[in-house]
Amino acid sequence: MSKRPHGSDAPDRLLPPRGDYQTLLSYEKCEVIYEITFRFCQKFLAKGDRTVDQMVQAARSGNSRVSGNRSCRTAVCASA
């Protein structure tokens, strides 16, 4: 790893922080999974069924987790 300048409080980082989570491969995969799940539910399952709501919400939460973890890496976790 690179050495920090003497007196610097900045932590060493293995990877630089990123702000463009939409370009991450994991985020792109979550988008595809959400779209496929949503279309599957519309085509093959009854509207208003609790299973549909659960499946769509689970697929949607994948995107939230990827984008939410981005803020953890850049703000909170980097300072810990």
Protein backbone atom coordinates (compact mmCIF):
# COMPACT_ATOMS: atom_id res chain seq x y z
CA MET A 1 0.00 0.00 0.00
CA SER A 2 1.02 3.56 -0.44
CA LYS A 3 2.35 5.47 2.52
CA ARG A 4 0.45 8.38 3.94
CA PRO A 5 2.18 11.71 4.37
CA HIS A 6 3.35 12.26 7.93
CA GLY A 7 0.60 13.79 10.06
CA SER A 8 -2.19 12.92 7.63
CA ASP A 9 -5.41 11.60 9.16
CA ALA A 10 -6.71 10.22 5.85
CA PRO A 11 -7.03 6.42 5.91
CA ASP A 12 -5.24 4.32 3.30
CA ARG A 13 -7.68 3.16 0.66
CA LEU A 14 -7.35 0.04 -1.36
CA LEU A 15 -9.97 1.30 -3.83
CA PRO A 16 -10.88 4.92 -4.54
CA PRO A 17 -14.43 6.03 -3.62
CA ARG A 18 -16.96 5.96 -6.44
CA GLY A 19 -20.04 8.07 -6.86
CA ASP A 20 -21.43 6.46 -9.99
CA TYR A 21 -23.10 3.35 -8.59
CA GLN A 22 -25.32 3.07 -11.69
CA THR A 23 -22.30 1.86 -13.68
CA LEU A 24 -21.45 -0.93 -11.25
CA LEU A 25 -22.00 -4.40 -12.68
CA SER A 26 -23.94 -5.47 -9.59
CA TYR A 27 -26.33 -2.52 -9.96
CA GLU A 28 -26.88 -3.27 -13.64
CA LYS A 29 -27.66 -6.90 -12.79
CA CYS A 30 -30.14 -5.78 -10.14
CA GLU A 31 -31.86 -3.61 -12.74
CA VAL A 32 -32.24 -6.59 -15.10
CA ILE A 33 -33.52 -8.82 -12.29
CA TYR A 34 -36.08 -6.21 -11.31
CA GLU A 35 -37.33 -5.79 -14.88
CA ILE A 36 -37.64 -9.56 -15.44
CA THR A 37 -39.39 -10.06 -12.10
CA PHE A 38 -41.82 -7.22 -12.74
CA ARG A 39 -42.73 -8.45 -16.22
CA PHE A 40 -43.04 -12.06 -15.03
CA CYS A 41 -45.44 -11.04 -12.28
CA GLN A 42 -47.55 -8.97 -14.68
CA LYS A 43 -47.80 -11.78 -17.19
CA PHE A 44 -48.16 -14.93 -15.07
CA LEU A 45 -49.48 -13.97 -11.61
CA ALA A 46 -52.81 -12.54 -10.50
CA LYS A 47 -52.90 -8.81 -9.84
CA GLY A 48 -53.35 -7.94 -6.18
CA ASP A 49 -51.73 -11.17 -5.03
CA ARG A 50 -49.46 -10.74 -2.02
CA THR A 51 -46.83 -12.91 -3.73
CA VAL A 52 -46.57 -10.35 -6.53
CA ASP A 53 -45.99 -7.53 -4.06
CA GLN A 54 -43.32 -9.51 -2.23
CA MET A 55 -41.48 -10.53 -5.39
CA VAL A 56 -41.43 -7.02 -6.85
CA GLN A 57 -40.36 -5.48 -3.53
CA ALA A 58 -37.54 -8.01 -3.12
CA ALA A 59 -36.28 -7.25 -6.63
CA ARG A 60 -36.55 -3.50 -6.02
CA SER A 61 -34.62 -3.71 -2.75
CA GLY A 62 -31.61 -5.12 -4.61
CA ASN A 63 -31.08 -1.76 -6.31
CA SER A 64 -31.52 0.08 -3.03
CA ARG A 65 -28.92 -2.07 -1.34
CA VAL A 66 -26.35 -1.53 -4.06
CA SER A 67 -26.85 2.23 -4.11
CA GLY A 68 -27.11 2.40 -0.28
CA ASN A 69 -23.85 0.54 0.22
CA ARG A 70 -22.14 3.12 -1.96
CA SER A 71 -22.78 5.79 0.66
CA CYS A 72 -21.54 3.48 3.40
CA ARG A 73 -18.22 2.95 1.63
CA THR A 74 -17.61 6.60 0.92
CA ALA A 75 -18.86 8.23 4.13
CA VAL A 76 -19.32 6.16 7.24
CA CYS A 77 -17.22 3.06 6.70
CA ALA A 78 -14.20 4.93 5.36
CA SER A 79 -13.95 6.98 8.55
CA ALA A 80 -14.36 3.98 10.88
